[in-house]
N, C-alpha and C. Protein backbone atom coordinates (compact mmCIF):
# COMPACT_ATOMS: atom_id res chain seq x y z
N UNK A 1 96.69 96.76 143.12
CA UNK A 1 97.49 96.01 142.18
C UNK A 1 98.97 96.33 142.46
N UNK A 2 99.82 95.31 142.42
CA UNK A 2 101.24 95.54 142.73
C UNK A 2 101.89 96.53 141.78
N UNK A 3 102.92 97.19 142.30
CA UNK A 3 103.72 98.10 141.48
C UNK A 3 104.31 97.33 140.31
N UNK A 4 104.35 97.93 139.14
CA UNK A 4 104.95 97.26 138.00
C UNK A 4 103.96 96.60 137.06
N UNK A 5 102.67 96.68 137.38
CA UNK A 5 101.65 96.20 136.45
C UNK A 5 100.33 96.91 136.71
N UNK A 6 99.48 96.93 135.70
CA UNK A 6 98.21 97.65 135.81
C UNK A 6 97.25 97.09 134.76
N UNK A 7 95.95 97.19 135.05
CA UNK A 7 94.93 96.77 134.08
C UNK A 7 95.10 97.57 132.79
N UNK A 8 94.91 96.93 131.66
CA UNK A 8 95.12 97.59 130.37
C UNK A 8 94.14 98.75 130.17
N UNK A 9 92.88 98.58 130.58
CA UNK A 9 91.91 99.67 130.39
C UNK A 9 92.27 100.89 131.23
N UNK A 10 92.73 100.64 132.45
CA UNK A 10 93.13 101.74 133.33
C UNK A 10 94.37 102.45 132.78
N UNK A 11 95.33 101.66 132.28
CA UNK A 11 96.55 102.26 131.73
C UNK A 11 96.23 103.12 130.51
N UNK A 12 95.38 102.62 129.60
CA UNK A 12 95.01 103.38 128.40
C UNK A 12 94.36 104.71 128.78
N UNK A 13 93.54 104.69 129.81
CA UNK A 13 92.87 105.91 130.27
C UNK A 13 93.88 106.86 130.90
N UNK A 14 94.75 106.35 131.78
CA UNK A 14 95.76 107.19 132.42
C UNK A 14 96.75 107.76 131.41
N UNK A 15 97.05 107.02 130.36
CA UNK A 15 97.99 107.48 129.33
C UNK A 15 97.32 108.44 128.35
N UNK A 16 96.05 108.72 128.57
CA UNK A 16 95.28 109.67 127.77
C UNK A 16 95.19 109.29 126.29
N UNK A 17 95.05 108.00 126.03
CA UNK A 17 94.83 107.56 124.65
C UNK A 17 93.34 107.57 124.32
N UNK A 18 92.50 107.59 125.36
CA UNK A 18 91.04 107.66 125.22
C UNK A 18 90.50 108.64 126.26
N UNK A 19 89.25 109.08 126.08
CA UNK A 19 88.67 110.07 126.99
C UNK A 19 88.17 109.49 128.30
N UNK A 20 87.60 108.28 128.25
CA UNK A 20 87.04 107.68 129.46
C UNK A 20 87.55 106.25 129.63
N UNK A 21 87.43 105.75 130.86
CA UNK A 21 87.84 104.38 131.09
C UNK A 21 86.92 103.40 130.38
N UNK A 22 85.63 103.75 130.27
CA UNK A 22 84.71 102.87 129.54
C UNK A 22 85.06 102.84 128.05
N UNK A 23 85.56 103.96 127.51
CA UNK A 23 86.05 103.96 126.11
C UNK A 23 87.25 103.03 125.97
N UNK A 24 88.11 103.02 126.98
CA UNK A 24 89.27 102.14 126.96
C UNK A 24 88.83 100.68 126.98
N UNK A 25 87.87 100.36 127.84
CA UNK A 25 87.36 98.98 127.91
C UNK A 25 86.72 98.58 126.58
N UNK A 26 85.96 99.47 125.97
CA UNK A 26 85.32 99.18 124.69
C UNK A 26 86.36 98.96 123.59
N UNK A 27 87.41 99.76 123.58
CA UNK A 27 88.48 99.62 122.59
C UNK A 27 89.12 98.23 122.69
N UNK A 28 89.38 97.80 123.91
CA UNK A 28 89.99 96.49 124.13
C UNK A 28 89.01 95.38 123.75
N UNK A 29 87.78 95.47 124.25
CA UNK A 29 86.78 94.43 123.99
C UNK A 29 86.48 94.26 122.50
N UNK A 30 86.57 95.34 121.75
CA UNK A 30 86.27 95.28 120.31
C UNK A 30 87.44 94.75 119.49
N UNK A 31 88.55 94.42 120.14
CA UNK A 31 89.68 93.81 119.44
C UNK A 31 90.62 94.77 118.76
N UNK A 32 90.60 96.05 119.16
CA UNK A 32 91.44 97.05 118.52
C UNK A 32 92.76 97.29 119.25
N UNK A 33 93.13 96.38 120.15
CA UNK A 33 94.37 96.53 120.91
C UNK A 33 95.18 95.24 120.82
N UNK A 34 96.46 95.40 120.55
CA UNK A 34 97.38 94.27 120.59
C UNK A 34 98.42 94.56 121.67
N UNK A 35 98.74 93.53 122.41
CA UNK A 35 99.75 93.61 123.46
C UNK A 35 100.90 92.70 123.04
N UNK A 36 102.05 93.30 122.78
CA UNK A 36 103.22 92.55 122.32
C UNK A 36 102.88 91.68 121.11
N UNK A 37 102.07 92.24 120.19
CA UNK A 37 101.73 91.56 118.96
C UNK A 37 100.53 90.63 119.02
N UNK A 38 99.96 90.41 120.20
CA UNK A 38 98.81 89.52 120.34
C UNK A 38 97.56 90.32 120.69
N UNK A 39 96.47 90.01 120.01
CA UNK A 39 95.20 90.70 120.25
C UNK A 39 94.72 90.41 121.68
N UNK A 40 94.28 91.46 122.36
CA UNK A 40 93.75 91.35 123.71
C UNK A 40 92.30 91.81 123.68
N UNK A 41 91.40 91.06 124.33
CA UNK A 41 89.99 91.45 124.36
C UNK A 41 89.44 91.57 125.77
N UNK A 42 90.29 91.38 126.77
CA UNK A 42 89.87 91.48 128.17
C UNK A 42 90.39 92.78 128.77
N UNK A 43 89.49 93.71 129.15
CA UNK A 43 89.92 94.99 129.72
C UNK A 43 90.73 94.84 131.01
N UNK A 44 90.59 93.71 131.70
CA UNK A 44 91.32 93.47 132.94
C UNK A 44 92.69 92.86 132.74
N UNK A 45 93.06 92.61 131.50
CA UNK A 45 94.39 92.06 131.21
C UNK A 45 95.45 93.04 131.72
N UNK A 46 96.53 92.52 132.28
CA UNK A 46 97.54 93.42 132.84
C UNK A 46 98.64 93.75 131.84
N UNK A 47 99.17 94.96 131.98
CA UNK A 47 100.34 95.40 131.22
C UNK A 47 101.47 95.65 132.20
N UNK A 48 102.68 95.49 131.71
CA UNK A 48 103.87 95.70 132.53
C UNK A 48 104.80 96.68 131.81
N UNK A 49 105.72 97.25 132.54
CA UNK A 49 106.71 98.15 131.94
C UNK A 49 107.49 97.38 130.88
N UNK A 50 107.62 98.00 129.72
CA UNK A 50 108.32 97.38 128.61
C UNK A 50 107.39 96.75 127.59
N UNK A 51 106.11 96.53 127.96
CA UNK A 51 105.14 95.99 127.01
C UNK A 51 104.90 97.00 125.89
N UNK A 52 104.57 96.49 124.70
CA UNK A 52 104.28 97.34 123.55
C UNK A 52 102.82 97.13 123.15
N UNK A 53 102.08 98.23 123.09
CA UNK A 53 100.67 98.21 122.71
C UNK A 53 100.51 98.80 121.32
N UNK A 54 99.74 98.13 120.47
CA UNK A 54 99.39 98.64 119.16
C UNK A 54 97.89 98.92 119.19
N UNK A 55 97.51 100.17 118.95
CA UNK A 55 96.12 100.60 119.08
C UNK A 55 95.59 101.09 117.74
N UNK A 56 94.41 100.60 117.37
CA UNK A 56 93.72 101.10 116.19
C UNK A 56 92.72 102.14 116.67
N UNK A 57 93.05 103.42 116.47
CA UNK A 57 92.21 104.53 116.93
C UNK A 57 91.68 105.29 115.72
N UNK A 58 90.36 105.30 115.56
CA UNK A 58 89.73 105.99 114.44
C UNK A 58 90.46 105.68 113.14
N UNK A 59 91.19 106.63 112.61
CA UNK A 59 91.88 106.42 111.33
C UNK A 59 93.38 106.32 111.47
N UNK A 60 93.85 106.12 112.69
CA UNK A 60 95.29 106.01 112.91
C UNK A 60 95.62 104.75 113.70
N UNK A 61 96.87 104.35 113.61
CA UNK A 61 97.39 103.25 114.40
C UNK A 61 98.53 103.82 115.22
N UNK A 62 98.49 103.60 116.53
CA UNK A 62 99.57 104.07 117.40
C UNK A 62 100.26 102.89 118.04
N UNK A 63 101.57 102.99 118.16
CA UNK A 63 102.36 101.96 118.82
C UNK A 63 103.03 102.63 120.01
N UNK A 64 102.70 102.13 121.22
CA UNK A 64 103.18 102.74 122.46
C UNK A 64 103.88 101.72 123.33
N UNK A 65 104.99 102.12 123.92
CA UNK A 65 105.67 101.29 124.91
C UNK A 65 105.27 101.77 126.29
N UNK A 66 104.94 100.85 127.17
CA UNK A 66 104.58 101.18 128.55
C UNK A 66 105.88 101.49 129.30
N UNK A 67 105.97 102.73 129.82
CA UNK A 67 107.18 103.13 130.56
C UNK A 67 106.90 103.44 132.03
N UNK A 68 105.63 103.46 132.42
CA UNK A 68 105.30 103.74 133.82
C UNK A 68 103.81 103.67 134.07
N UNK A 69 103.44 103.93 135.31
CA UNK A 69 102.05 103.88 135.74
C UNK A 69 101.71 105.07 136.60
N UNK A 70 100.43 105.41 136.65
CA UNK A 70 99.92 106.47 137.53
C UNK A 70 98.85 105.87 138.42
N UNK A 71 98.69 106.40 139.62
CA UNK A 71 97.60 105.98 140.49
C UNK A 71 96.30 106.67 140.11
N UNK A 72 96.43 107.90 139.59
CA UNK A 72 95.26 108.67 139.16
C UNK A 72 95.55 109.28 137.80
N UNK A 73 94.46 109.62 137.10
CA UNK A 73 94.64 110.26 135.81
C UNK A 73 95.03 111.71 136.04
N UNK A 74 96.16 112.10 135.48
CA UNK A 74 96.66 113.46 135.66
C UNK A 74 96.66 114.22 134.35
N UNK A 75 97.49 115.22 134.29
CA UNK A 75 97.59 116.06 133.11
C UNK A 75 98.43 115.40 132.02
N UNK A 76 98.66 116.17 130.98
CA UNK A 76 99.40 115.66 129.82
C UNK A 76 100.83 115.25 130.18
N UNK A 77 101.46 115.98 131.08
CA UNK A 77 102.84 115.65 131.47
C UNK A 77 102.89 114.31 132.20
N UNK A 78 101.94 114.07 133.08
CA UNK A 78 101.89 112.79 133.79
C UNK A 78 101.61 111.65 132.83
N UNK A 79 100.73 111.89 131.86
CA UNK A 79 100.40 110.87 130.87
C UNK A 79 101.61 110.55 129.99
N UNK A 80 102.36 111.57 129.62
CA UNK A 80 103.54 111.38 128.77
C UNK A 80 104.60 110.53 129.47
N UNK A 81 104.64 110.58 130.80
CA UNK A 81 105.62 109.80 131.55
C UNK A 81 105.28 108.31 131.59
N UNK A 82 104.07 107.94 131.18
CA UNK A 82 103.66 106.54 131.22
C UNK A 82 103.92 105.80 129.92
N UNK A 83 104.31 106.53 128.87
CA UNK A 83 104.41 105.89 127.57
C UNK A 83 105.53 106.49 126.72
N UNK A 84 105.96 105.71 125.74
CA UNK A 84 106.90 106.19 124.73
C UNK A 84 106.29 105.83 123.38
N UNK A 85 106.13 106.82 122.54
CA UNK A 85 105.53 106.61 121.22
C UNK A 85 106.57 106.01 120.29
N UNK A 86 106.25 104.84 119.75
CA UNK A 86 107.17 104.15 118.86
C UNK A 86 106.84 104.38 117.39
N UNK A 87 105.87 105.26 117.14
CA UNK A 87 105.51 105.58 115.77
C UNK A 87 104.31 104.81 115.29
N UNK A 88 104.08 104.88 114.01
CA UNK A 88 102.92 104.22 113.40
C UNK A 88 103.17 102.73 113.26
N UNK A 89 102.11 101.98 113.44
CA UNK A 89 102.19 100.53 113.30
C UNK A 89 101.75 100.10 111.92
N UNK A 90 101.45 98.83 111.78
CA UNK A 90 100.98 98.32 110.50
C UNK A 90 99.64 98.93 110.14
N UNK A 91 99.33 98.97 108.86
CA UNK A 91 98.10 99.60 108.38
C UNK A 91 96.85 98.89 108.89
N UNK A 92 96.89 97.57 109.03
CA UNK A 92 95.73 96.83 109.52
C UNK A 92 96.07 96.14 110.82
N UNK A 93 95.08 96.10 111.70
CA UNK A 93 95.29 95.43 112.99
C UNK A 93 94.21 94.40 113.18
């Protein structure tokens, strides 16, 4: 995939918002992810730098800006470089 974009399920996994890539795909497919305010249900949908993701995770809502990409899943420092936390989102997604 060209530099500057990545599959949403892969990005969620690399950014360490979920434990496995299949968990990331399930999160997207179940409608718990919004990309720039629009619900996304395709795990293969691409994200780009500057996109904003709103995630409904268990009992919390996270709003993350995409700031970079990784080729492989790394440690916490590498994951932190891929995102900027914008705080809590709306109560319902």
